[in-house]
Amino acid sequence: MQTEESDSSPLKYKRVLLKLSGEALMGPGQFGIDIPTCEKFAHAIKQAQDTGAEVCLVIGGGNIFRGVAGAAKGMERAQADSMGMLATIMNALAMQSVLESIGVPT
């Protein structure tokens, strides 16, 4: 269902799903979270929202831990997967903090 507002919008798509891998959040580093890289993503997301787009983020955790890799090294798979999910939460919290610091509601 389209509204009159969406008919006059210059955007091709009003809703955007953006997948940010954990590796993307590392920036130039070997591991972890690079805040300047997160800030670049946040400003691009803000710019998209300012044009009227609704942006949904899916965040990965591979920069911190991969459950499959842990399981391959002898960890119990369920525990390794739980660690991977916690890595995803850590990345999501970092992005949330950066987005909110520039005025993007989360």
PDB file of N, CA and C in Angstrom:
ATOM      1  N   MET A   1       0.840  -1.169   0.000  1.00  0.00           N
ATOM      2  CA  MET A   1       0.000   0.000   0.000  1.00  0.00           C
ATOM      3  C   MET A   1       0.885   1.233   0.000  1.00  0.00           C
ATOM      4  N   GLN A   2       0.680   2.121  -0.955  1.00  0.00           N
ATOM      5  CA  GLN A   2       1.471   3.335  -1.037  1.00  0.00           C
ATOM      6  C   GLN A   2       0.634   4.525  -0.590  1.00  0.00           C
ATOM      7  N   THR A   3       1.303   5.475   0.002  1.00  0.00           N
ATOM      8  CA  THR A   3       0.628   6.704   0.404  1.00  0.00           C
ATOM      9  C   THR A   3       1.019   7.808  -0.557  1.00  0.00           C
ATOM     10  N   GLU A   4       0.302   8.926  -0.473  1.00  0.00           N
ATOM     11  CA  GLU A   4       0.649  10.056  -1.324  1.00  0.00           C
ATOM     12  C   GLU A   4       2.065  10.528  -1.051  1.00  0.00           C
ATOM     13  N   GLU A   5       2.473  10.490   0.227  1.00  0.00           N
ATOM     14  CA  GLU A   5       3.809  10.930   0.602  1.00  0.00           C
ATOM     15  C   GLU A   5       4.870  10.086  -0.086  1.00  0.00           C
ATOM     16  N   SER A   6       4.686   8.750  -0.110  1.00  0.00           N
ATOM     17  CA  SER A   6       5.692   7.894  -0.732  1.00  0.00           C
ATOM     18  C   SER A   6       5.706   8.064  -2.242  1.00  0.00           C
ATOM     19  N   ASP A   7       4.591   8.467  -2.836  1.00  0.00           N
ATOM     20  CA  ASP A   7       4.545   8.690  -4.281  1.00  0.00           C
ATOM     21  C   ASP A   7       5.417   9.869  -4.692  1.00  0.00           C
ATOM     22  N   SER A   8       5.543  10.864  -3.826  1.00  0.00           N
ATOM     23  CA  SER A   8       6.313  12.055  -4.165  1.00  0.00           C
ATOM     24  C   SER A   8       7.756  11.967  -3.671  1.00  0.00           C
ATOM     25  N   SER A   9       8.119  10.885  -3.017  1.00  0.00           N
ATOM     26  CA  SER A   9       9.451  10.736  -2.463  1.00  0.00           C
ATOM     27  C   SER A   9      10.477  10.510  -3.571  1.00  0.00           C
ATOM     28  N   PRO A  10      11.658  11.147  -3.439  1.00  0.00           N
ATOM     29  CA  PRO A  10      12.706  10.921  -4.437  1.00  0.00           C
ATOM     30  C   PRO A  10      13.416   9.579  -4.247  1.00  0.00           C
ATOM     31  N   LEU A  11      13.098   8.870  -3.154  1.00  0.00           N
ATOM     32  CA  LEU A  11      13.764   7.605  -2.874  1.00  0.00           C
ATOM     33  C   LEU A  11      13.173   6.469  -3.687  1.00  0.00           C
ATOM     34  N   LYS A  12      14.023   5.610  -4.192  1.00  0.00           N
ATOM     35  CA  LYS A  12      13.543   4.422  -4.878  1.00  0.00           C
ATOM     36  C   LYS A  12      12.965   3.438  -3.870  1.00  0.00           C
ATOM     37  N   TYR A  13      13.634   3.313  -2.720  1.00  0.00           N
ATOM     38  CA  TYR A  13      13.169   2.441  -1.640  1.00  0.00           C
ATOM     39  C   TYR A  13      13.086   3.258  -0.362  1.00  0.00           C
ATOM     40  N   LYS A  14      11.952   3.165   0.318  1.00  0.00           N
ATOM     41  CA  LYS A  14      11.782   3.902   1.568  1.00  0.00           C
ATOM     42  C   LYS A  14      12.384   3.136   2.747  1.00  0.00           C
ATOM     43  N   ARG A  15      12.389   1.824   2.669  1.00  0.00           N
ATOM     44  CA  ARG A  15      12.926   0.999   3.748  1.00  0.00           C
ATOM     45  C   ARG A  15      14.176   0.269   3.266  1.00  0.00           C
ATOM     46  N   VAL A  16      15.215   0.317   4.125  1.00  0.00           N
ATOM     47  CA  VAL A  16      16.502  -0.271   3.772  1.00  0.00           C
ATOM     48  C   VAL A  16      16.938  -1.201   4.901  1.00  0.00           C
ATOM     49  N   LEU A  17      17.367  -2.395   4.547  1.00  0.00           N
ATOM     50  CA  LEU A  17      17.954  -3.331   5.493  1.00  0.00           C
ATOM     51  C   LEU A  17      19.454  -3.359   5.217  1.00  0.00           C
ATOM     52  N   LEU A  18      20.239  -2.955   6.203  1.00  0.00           N
ATOM     53  CA  LEU A  18      21.689  -2.878   6.052  1.00  0.00           C
ATOM     54  C   LEU A  18      22.353  -3.908   6.954  1.00  0.00           C
ATOM     55  N   LYS A  19      23.133  -4.792   6.368  1.00  0.00           N
ATOM     56  CA  LYS A  19      23.883  -5.805   7.121  1.00  0.00           C
ATOM     57  C   LYS A  19      25.308  -5.295   7.287  1.00  0.00           C
ATOM     58  N   LEU A  20      25.711  -5.085   8.534  1.00  0.00           N
ATOM     59  CA  LEU A  20      27.085  -4.697   8.837  1.00  0.00           C
ATOM     60  C   LEU A  20      27.775  -5.898   9.476  1.00  0.00           C
ATOM     61  N   SER A  21      28.735  -6.442   8.778  1.00  0.00           N
ATOM     62  CA  SER A  21      29.457  -7.586   9.326  1.00  0.00           C
ATOM     63  C   SER A  21      30.371  -7.120  10.448  1.00  0.00           C
ATOM     64  N   GLY A  22      30.716  -8.045  11.316  1.00  0.00           N
ATOM     65  CA  GLY A  22      31.676  -7.721  12.356  1.00  0.00           C
ATOM     66  C   GLY A  22      33.004  -7.284  11.763  1.00  0.00           C
ATOM     67  N   GLU A  23      33.388  -7.910  10.664  1.00  0.00           N
ATOM     68  CA  GLU A  23      34.641  -7.548  10.016  1.00  0.00           C
ATOM     69  C   GLU A  23      34.619  -6.102   9.541  1.00  0.00           C
ATOM     70  N   ALA A  24      33.466  -5.622   9.089  1.00  0.00           N
ATOM     71  CA  ALA A  24      33.353  -4.226   8.643  1.00  0.00           C
ATOM     72  C   ALA A  24      33.582  -3.270   9.807  1.00  0.00           C
ATOM     73  N   LEU A  25      33.161  -3.660  11.007  1.00  0.00           N
ATOM     74  CA  LEU A  25      33.312  -2.795  12.176  1.00  0.00           C
ATOM     75  C   LEU A  25      34.745  -2.767  12.705  1.00  0.00           C
ATOM     76  N   MET A  26      35.591  -3.677  12.239  1.00  0.00           N
ATOM     77  CA  MET A  26      36.996  -3.681  12.652  1.00  0.00           C
ATOM     78  C   MET A  26      37.754  -2.510  12.048  1.00  0.00           C
ATOM     79  N   GLY A  27      37.268  -2.007  10.919  1.00  0.00           N
ATOM     80  CA  GLY A  27      38.019  -0.971  10.229  1.00  0.00           C
ATOM     81  C   GLY A  27      39.370  -1.511   9.805  1.00  0.00           C
ATOM     82  N   PRO A  28      40.415  -0.727   9.987  1.00  0.00           N
ATOM     83  CA  PRO A  28      41.743  -1.178   9.561  1.00  0.00           C
ATOM     84  C   PRO A  28      42.404  -2.145  10.546  1.00  0.00           C
ATOM     85  N   GLY A  29      41.779  -2.395  11.681  1.00  0.00           N
ATOM     86  CA  GLY A  29      42.387  -3.243  12.699  1.00  0.00           C
ATOM     87  C   GLY A  29      42.315  -4.722  12.377  1.00  0.00           C
ATOM     88  N   GLN A  30      42.944  -5.509  13.222  1.00  0.00           N
ATOM     89  CA  GLN A  30      42.979  -6.963  13.072  1.00  0.00           C
ATOM     90  C   GLN A  30      41.805  -7.640  13.784  1.00  0.00           C
ATOM     91  N   PHE A  31      41.220  -6.955  14.774  1.00  0.00           N
ATOM     92  CA  PHE A  31      40.113  -7.513  15.548  1.00  0.00           C
ATOM     93  C   PHE A  31      39.444  -6.369  16.296  1.00  0.00           C
ATOM     94  N   GLY A  32      38.349  -6.664  16.946  1.00  0.00           N
ATOM     95  CA  GLY A  32      37.683  -5.682  17.796  1.00  0.00           C
ATOM     96  C   GLY A  32      36.821  -4.695  17.023  1.00  0.00           C
ATOM     97  N   ILE A  33      36.529  -3.576  17.669  1.00  0.00           N
ATOM     98  CA  ILE A  33      35.622  -2.563  17.136  1.00  0.00           C
ATOM     99  C   ILE A  33      36.409  -1.267  16.958  1.00  0.00           C
ATOM    100  N   ASP A  34      36.395  -0.722  15.748  1.00  0.00           N
ATOM    101  CA  ASP A  34      37.056   0.544  15.454  1.00  0.00           C
ATOM    102  C   ASP A  34      36.000   1.647  15.470  1.00  0.00           C
ATOM    103  N   ILE A  35      36.021   2.484  16.502  1.00  0.00           N
ATOM    104  CA  ILE A  35      34.985   3.503  16.667  1.00  0.00           C
ATOM    105  C   ILE A  35      34.956   4.493  15.501  1.00  0.00           C
ATOM    106  N   PRO A  36      36.078   4.973  14.974  1.00  0.00           N
ATOM    107  CA  PRO A  36      35.995   5.866  13.806  1.00  0.00           C
ATOM    108  C   PRO A  36      35.274   5.216  12.608  1.00  0.00           C
ATOM    109  N   THR A  37      35.461   3.919  12.430  1.00  0.00           N
ATOM    110  CA  THR A  37      34.748   3.210  11.361  1.00  0.00           C
ATOM    111  C   THR A  37      33.254   3.172  11.669  1.00  0.00           C
ATOM    112  N   CYS A  38      32.909   2.894  12.918  1.00  0.00           N
ATOM    113  CA  CYS A  38      31.498   2.908  13.323  1.00  0.00           C
ATOM    114  C   CYS A  38      30.888   4.283  13.094  1.00  0.00           C
ATOM    115  N   GLU A  39      31.655   5.330  13.372  1.00  0.00           N
ATOM    116  CA  GLU A  39      31.157   6.695  13.168  1.00  0.00           C
ATOM    117  C   GLU A  39      30.889   6.968  11.695  1.00  0.00           C
ATOM    118  N   LYS A  40      31.742   6.471  10.806  1.00  0.00           N
ATOM    119  CA  LYS A  40      31.502   6.642   9.367  1.00  0.00           C
ATOM    120  C   LYS A  40      30.189   5.981   8.951  1.00  0.00           C
ATOM    121  N   PHE A  41      29.981   4.742   9.432  1.00  0.00           N
ATOM    122  CA  PHE A  41      28.720   4.064   9.129  1.00  0.00           C
ATOM    123  C   PHE A  41      27.538   4.835   9.705  1.00  0.00           C
ATOM    124  N   ALA A  42      27.686   5.319  10.934  1.00  0.00           N
ATOM    125  CA  ALA A  42      26.591   6.033  11.590  1.00  0.00           C
ATOM    126  C   ALA A  42      26.214   7.296  10.827  1.00  0.00           C
ATOM    127  N   HIS A  43      27.194   8.032  10.351  1.00  0.00           N
ATOM    128  CA  HIS A  43      26.896   9.253   9.588  1.00  0.00           C
ATOM    129  C   HIS A  43      26.199   8.923   8.265  1.00  0.00           C
ATOM    130  N   ALA A  44      26.597   7.831   7.634  1.00  0.00           N
ATOM    131  CA  ALA A  44      25.929   7.417   6.391  1.00  0.00           C
ATOM    132  C   ALA A  44      24.484   7.002   6.681  1.00  0.00           C
ATOM    133  N   ILE A  45      24.271   6.326   7.792  1.00  0.00           N
ATOM    134  CA  ILE A  45      22.915   5.912   8.180  1.00  0.00           C
ATOM    135  C   ILE A  45      22.072   7.137   8.481  1.00  0.00           C
ATOM    136  N   LYS A  46      22.652   8.102   9.202  1.00  0.00           N
ATOM    137  CA  LYS A  46      21.929   9.337   9.512  1.00  0.00           C
ATOM    138  C   LYS A  46      21.553  10.079   8.233  1.00  0.00           C
ATOM    139  N   GLN A  47      22.469  10.133   7.292  1.00  0.00           N
ATOM    140  CA  GLN A  47      22.202  10.804   6.023  1.00  0.00           C
ATOM    141  C   GLN A  47      21.036  10.129   5.294  1.00  0.00           C
ATOM    142  N   ALA A  48      21.009   8.812   5.301  1.00  0.00           N
ATOM    143  CA  ALA A  48      19.899   8.090   4.669  1.00  0.00           C
ATOM    144  C   ALA A  48      18.590   8.393   5.381  1.00  0.00           C
ATOM    145  N   GLN A  49      18.618   8.408   6.710  1.00  0.00           N
ATOM    146  CA  GLN A  49      17.401   8.717   7.456  1.00  0.00           C
ATOM    147  C   GLN A  49      16.947  10.153   7.209  1.00  0.00           C
ATOM    148  N   ASP A  50      17.892  11.064   7.096  1.00  0.00           N
ATOM    149  CA  ASP A  50      17.549  12.468   6.856  1.00  0.00           C
ATOM    150  C   ASP A  50      16.864  12.673   5.509  1.00  0.00           C
ATOM    151  N   THR A  51      17.091  11.760   4.560  1.00  0.00           N
ATOM    152  CA  THR A  51      16.419  11.862   3.267  1.00  0.00           C
ATOM    153  C   THR A  51      15.049  11.194   3.289  1.00  0.00           C
ATOM    154  N   GLY A  52      14.710  10.567   4.430  1.00  0.00           N
ATOM    155  CA  GLY A  52      13.401   9.951   4.578  1.00  0.00           C
ATOM    156  C   GLY A  52      13.394   8.438   4.591  1.00  0.00           C
ATOM    157  N   ALA A  53      14.549   7.812   4.483  1.00  0.00           N
ATOM    158  CA  ALA A  53      14.616   6.352   4.487  1.00  0.00           C
ATOM    159  C   ALA A  53      14.483   5.811   5.911  1.00  0.00           C
ATOM    160  N   GLU A  54      13.841   4.677   6.027  1.00  0.00           N
ATOM    161  CA  GLU A  54      13.810   3.929   7.283  1.00  0.00           C
ATOM    162  C   GLU A  54      14.905   2.877   7.176  1.00  0.00           C
ATOM    163  N   VAL A  55      15.833   2.889   8.121  1.00  0.00           N
ATOM    164  CA  VAL A  55      16.994   2.003   8.055  1.00  0.00           C
ATOM    165  C   VAL A  55      16.952   0.998   9.200  1.00  0.00           C
ATOM    166  N   CYS A  56      17.067  -0.271   8.850  1.00  0.00           N
ATOM    167  CA  CYS A  56      17.150  -1.349   9.822  1.00  0.00           C
ATOM    168  C   CYS A  56      18.543  -1.959   9.712  1.00  0.00           C
ATOM    169  N   LEU A  57      19.182  -2.169  10.857  1.00  0.00           N
ATOM    170  CA  LEU A  57      20.525  -2.746  10.853  1.00  0.00           C
ATOM    171  C   LEU A  57      20.512  -4.195  11.318  1.00  0.00           C
ATOM    172  N   VAL A  58      21.308  -5.011  10.660  1.00  0.00           N
ATOM    173  CA  VAL A  58      21.624  -6.363  11.110  1.00  0.00           C
ATOM    174  C   VAL A  58      23.123  -6.354  11.347  1.00  0.00           C
ATOM    175  N   ILE A  59      23.519  -6.676  12.571  1.00  0.00           N
ATOM    176  CA  ILE A  59      24.921  -6.576  12.964  1.00  0.00           C
ATOM    177  C   ILE A  59      25.510  -7.978  13.139  1.00  0.00           C
ATOM    178  N   GLY A  60      26.711  -8.161  12.637  1.00  0.00           N
ATOM    179  CA  GLY A  60      27.417  -9.427  12.811  1.00  0.00           C
ATOM    180  C   GLY A  60      28.411  -9.352  13.952  1.00  0.00           C
ATOM    181  N   GLY A  61      29.001 -10.491  14.294  1.00  0.00           N
ATOM    182  CA  GLY A  61      29.949 -10.542  15.404  1.00  0.00           C
ATOM    183  C   GLY A  61      31.258 -11.217  15.072  1.00  0.00           C
ATOM    184  N   GLY A  62      31.515 -11.449  13.789  1.00  0.00           N
ATOM    185  CA  GLY A  62      32.692 -12.207  13.383  1.00  0.00           C
ATOM    186  C   GLY A  62      34.023 -11.552  13.693  1.00  0.00           C
ATOM    187  N   ASN A  63      34.020 -10.270  13.999  1.00  0.00           N
ATOM    188  CA  ASN A  63      35.276  -9.607  14.351  1.00  0.00           C
ATOM    189  C   ASN A  63      35.754 -10.006  15.738  1.00  0.00           C
ATOM    190  N   ILE A  64      34.850 -10.540  16.554  1.00  0.00           N
ATOM    191  CA  ILE A  64      35.199 -10.893  17.923  1.00  0.00           C
ATOM    192  C   ILE A  64      35.273 -12.405  18.109  1.00  0.00           C
ATOM    193  N   PHE A  65      34.265 -13.104  17.601  1.00  0.00           N
ATOM    194  CA  PHE A  65      34.253 -14.556  17.800  1.00  0.00           C
ATOM    195  C   PHE A  65      33.328 -15.222  16.797  1.00  0.00           C
ATOM    196  N   ARG A  66      33.733 -16.368  16.296  1.00  0.00           N
ATOM    197  CA  ARG A  66      32.894 -17.187  15.417  1.00  0.00           C
ATOM    198  C   ARG A  66      32.648 -18.524  16.102  1.00  0.00           C
ATOM    199  N   GLY A  67      31.369 -18.839  16.305  1.00  0.00           N
ATOM    200  CA  GLY A  67      31.010 -20.082  16.973  1.00  0.00           C
ATOM    201  C   GLY A  67      31.521 -21.313  16.260  1.00  0.00           C
ATOM    202  N   VAL A  68      31.467 -21.313  14.945  1.00  0.00           N
ATOM    203  CA  VAL A  68      31.921 -22.466  14.170  1.00  0.00           C
ATOM    204  C   VAL A  68      33.418 -22.693  14.387  1.00  0.00           C
ATOM    205  N   ALA A  69      34.176 -21.607  14.420  1.00  0.00           N
ATOM    206  CA  ALA A  69      35.621 -21.732  14.618  1.00  0.00           C
ATOM    207  C   ALA A  69      35.922 -22.271  16.012  1.00  0.00           C
ATOM    208  N   GLY A  70      35.179 -21.800  16.999  1.00  0.00           N
ATOM    209  CA  GLY A  70      35.377 -22.292  18.361  1.00  0.00           C
ATOM    210  C   GLY A  70      35.050 -23.764  18.478  1.00  0.00           C
ATOM    211  N   ALA A  71      33.968 -24.170  17.830  1.00  0.00           N
ATOM    212  CA  ALA A  71      33.574 -25.574  17.868  1.00  0.00           C
ATOM    213  C   ALA A  71      34.615 -26.439  17.168  1.00  0.00           C
ATOM    214  N   ALA A  72      35.201 -25.933  16.103  1.00  0.00           N
ATOM    215  CA  ALA A  72      36.214 -26.687  15.379  1.00  0.00           C
ATOM    216  C   ALA A  72      37.468 -26.894  16.226  1.00  0.00           C
ATOM    217  N   LYS A  73      37.670 -26.027  17.206  1.00  0.00           N
ATOM    218  CA  LYS A  73      38.854 -26.141  18.066  1.00  0.00           C
ATOM    219  C   LYS A  73      38.547 -26.890  19.356  1.00  0.00           C
ATOM    220  N   GLY A  74      37.396 -27.564  19.408  1.00  0.00           N
ATOM    221  CA  GLY A  74      37.100 -28.421  20.538  1.00  0.00           C
ATOM    222  C   GLY A  74      36.074 -27.902  21.528  1.00  0.00           C
ATOM    223  N   MET A  75      35.579 -26.689  21.337  1.00  0.00           N
ATOM    224  CA  MET A  75      34.554 -26.183  22.244  1.00  0.00           C
ATOM    225  C   MET A  75      33.228 -26.865  21.956  1.00  0.00           C
ATOM    226  N   GLU A  76      32.382 -26.933  22.953  1.00  0.00           N
ATOM    227  CA  GLU A  76      31.029 -27.417  22.722  1.00  0.00           C
ATOM    228  C   GLU A  76      30.324 -26.406  21.816  1.00  0.00           C
ATOM    229  N   ARG A  77      29.644 -26.908  20.807  1.00  0.00           N
ATOM    230  CA  ARG A  77      29.057 -26.038  19.783  1.00  0.00           C
ATOM    231  C   ARG A  77      28.074 -25.021  20.364  1.00  0.00           C
ATOM    232  N   ALA A  78      27.224 -25.426  21.284  1.00  0.00           N
ATOM    233  CA  ALA A  78      26.240 -24.504  21.858  1.00  0.00           C
ATOM    234  C   ALA A  78      26.925 -23.358  22.592  1.00  0.00           C
ATOM    235  N   GLN A  79      27.978 -23.650  23.335  1.00  0.00           N
ATOM    236  CA  GLN A  79      28.696 -22.593  24.038  1.00  0.00           C
ATOM    237  C   GLN A  79      29.423 -21.680  23.062  1.00  0.00           C
ATOM    238  N   ALA A  80      30.001 -22.258  22.035  1.00  0.00           N
ATOM    239  CA  ALA A  80      30.690 -21.456  21.026  1.00  0.00           C
ATOM    240  C   ALA A  80      29.705 -20.534  20.313  1.00  0.00           C
ATOM    241  N   ASP A  81      28.524 -21.049  19.983  1.00  0.00           N
ATOM    242  CA  ASP A  81      27.507 -20.214  19.335  1.00  0.00           C
ATOM    243  C   ASP A  81      27.034 -19.103  20.264  1.00  0.00           C
ATOM    244  N   SER A  82      26.907 -19.411  21.544  1.00  0.00           N
ATOM    245  CA  SER A  82      26.515 -18.381  22.515  1.00  0.00           C
ATOM    246  C   SER A  82      27.549 -17.266  22.574  1.00  0.00           C
ATOM    247  N   MET A  83      28.812 -17.627  22.512  1.00  0.00           N
ATOM    248  CA  MET A  83      29.867 -16.614  22.507  1.00  0.00           C
ATOM    249  C   MET A  83      29.772 -15.745  21.255  1.00  0.00           C
ATOM    250  N   GLY A  84      29.457 -16.357  20.111  1.00  0.00           N
ATOM    251  CA  GLY A  84      29.274 -15.593  18.878  1.00  0.00           C
ATOM    252  C   GLY A  84      28.107 -14.625  18.988  1.00  0.00           C
ATOM    253  N   MET A  85      27.025 -15.055  19.647  1.00  0.00           N
ATOM    254  CA  MET A  85      25.873 -14.166  19.829  1.00  0.00           C
ATOM    255  C   MET A  85      26.224 -13.002  20.750  1.00  0.00           C
ATOM    256  N   LEU A  86      27.025 -13.269  21.778  1.00  0.00           N
ATOM    257  CA  LEU A  86      27.455 -12.186  22.653  1.00  0.00           C
ATOM    258  C   LEU A  86      28.329 -11.186  21.902  1.00  0.00           C
ATOM    259  N   ALA A  87      29.152 -11.670  20.993  1.00  0.00           N
ATOM    260  CA  ALA A  87      29.970 -10.780  20.162  1.00  0.00           C
ATOM    261  C   ALA A  87      29.076  -9.877  19.320  1.00  0.00           C
ATOM    262  N   THR A  88      27.994 -10.438  18.796  1.00  0.00           N
ATOM    263  CA  THR A  88      27.045  -9.650  18.015  1.00  0.00           C
ATOM    264  C   THR A  88      26.407  -8.564  18.882  1.00  0.00           C
ATOM    265  N   ILE A  89      26.051  -8.906  20.102  1.00  0.00           N
ATOM    266  CA  ILE A  89      25.454  -7.929  21.014  1.00  0.00           C
ATOM    267  C   ILE A  89      26.456  -6.811  21.314  1.00  0.00           C
ATOM    268  N   MET A  90      27.718  -7.157  21.522  1.00  0.00           N
ATOM    269  CA  MET A  90      28.735  -6.138  21.783  1.00  0.00           C
ATOM    270  C   MET A  90      28.838  -5.165  20.614  1.00  0.00           C
ATOM    271  N   ASN A  91      28.842  -5.678  19.392  1.00  0.00           N
ATOM    272  CA  ASN A  91      28.899  -4.818  18.213  1.00  0.00           C
ATOM    273  C   ASN A  91      27.658  -3.951  18.100  1.00  0.00           C
ATOM    274  N   ALA A  92      26.501  -4.533  18.383  1.00  0.00           N
ATOM    275  CA  ALA A  92      25.254  -3.774  18.303  1.00  0.00           C
ATOM    276  C   ALA A  92      25.249  -2.642  19.326  1.00  0.00           C
ATOM    277  N   LEU A  93      25.743  -2.897  20.523  1.00  0.00           N
ATOM    278  CA  LEU A  93      25.807  -1.848  21.545  1.00  0.00           C
ATOM    279  C   LEU A  93      26.761  -0.729  21.127  1.00  0.00           C
ATOM    280  N   ALA A  94      27.865  -1.084  20.498  1.00  0.00           N
ATOM    281  CA  ALA A  94      28.809  -0.066  20.020  1.00  0.00           C
ATOM    282  C   ALA A  94      28.146   0.806  18.959  1.00  0.00           C
ATOM    283  N   MET A  95      27.460   0.175  18.000  1.00  0.00           N
ATOM    284  CA  MET A  95      26.783   0.956  16.953  1.00  0.00           C
ATOM    285  C   MET A  95      25.657   1.801  17.539  1.00  0.00           C
ATOM    286  N   GLN A  96      24.910   1.255  18.487  1.00  0.00           N
ATOM    287  CA  GLN A  96      23.842   2.015  19.124  1.00  0.00           C
ATOM    288  C   GLN A  96      24.406   3.265  19.799  1.00  0.00           C
ATOM    289  N   SER A  97      25.494   3.108  20.512  1.00  0.00           N
ATOM    290  CA  SER A  97      26.107   4.240  21.202  1.00  0.00           C
ATOM    291  C   SER A  97      26.536   5.328  20.224  1.00  0.00           C
ATOM    292  N   VAL A  98      27.185   4.923  19.140  1.00  0.00           N
ATOM    293  CA  VAL A  98      27.654   5.893  18.154  1.00  0.00           C
ATOM    294  C   VAL A  98      26.468   6.573  17.457  1.00  0.00           C
ATOM    295  N   LEU A  99      25.457   5.795  17.093  1.00  0.00           N
ATOM    296  CA  LEU A  99      24.282   6.384  16.441  1.00  0.00           C
ATOM    297  C   LEU A  99      23.597   7.400  17.356  1.00  0.00           C
ATOM    298  N   GLU A 100      23.413   7.041  18.610  1.00  0.00           N
ATOM    299  CA  GLU A 100      22.738   7.948  19.537  1.00  0.00           C
ATOM    300  C   GLU A 100      23.564   9.190  19.813  1.00  0.00           C
ATOM    301  N   SER A 101      24.901   9.068  19.753  1.00  0.00           N
ATOM    302  CA  SER A 101      25.766  10.233  20.001  1.00  0.00           C
ATOM    303  C   SER A 101      25.640  11.299  18.911  1.00  0.00           C
ATOM    304  N   ILE A 102      25.155  10.907  17.722  1.00  0.00           N
ATOM    305  CA  ILE A 102      24.959  11.889  16.651  1.00  0.00           C
ATOM    306  C   ILE A 102      23.475  12.181  16.420  1.00  0.00           C
ATOM    307  N   GLY A 103      22.636  11.748  17.375  1.00  0.00           N
ATOM    308  CA  GLY A 103      21.235  12.119  17.328  1.00  0.00           C
ATOM    309  C   GLY A 103      20.326  11.189  16.547  1.00  0.00           C
ATOM    310  N   VAL A 104      20.781   9.997  16.247  1.00  0.00           N
ATOM    311  CA  VAL A 104      19.936   9.038  15.544  1.00  0.00           C
ATOM    312  C   VAL A 104      19.211   8.200  16.598  1.00  0.00           C
ATOM    313  N   PRO A 105      17.869   8.237  16.604  1.00  0.00           N
ATOM    314  CA  PRO A 105      17.146   7.419  17.585  1.00  0.00           C
ATOM    315  C   PRO A 105      17.294   5.935  17.262  1.00  0.00           C
ATOM    316  N   THR A 106      17.416   5.130  18.320  1.00  0.00           N
ATOM    317  CA  THR A 106      17.564   3.692  18.109  1.00  0.00           C
ATOM    318  C   THR A 106      16.465   2.944  18.861  1.00  0.00           C
TER     319      THR A 106
END
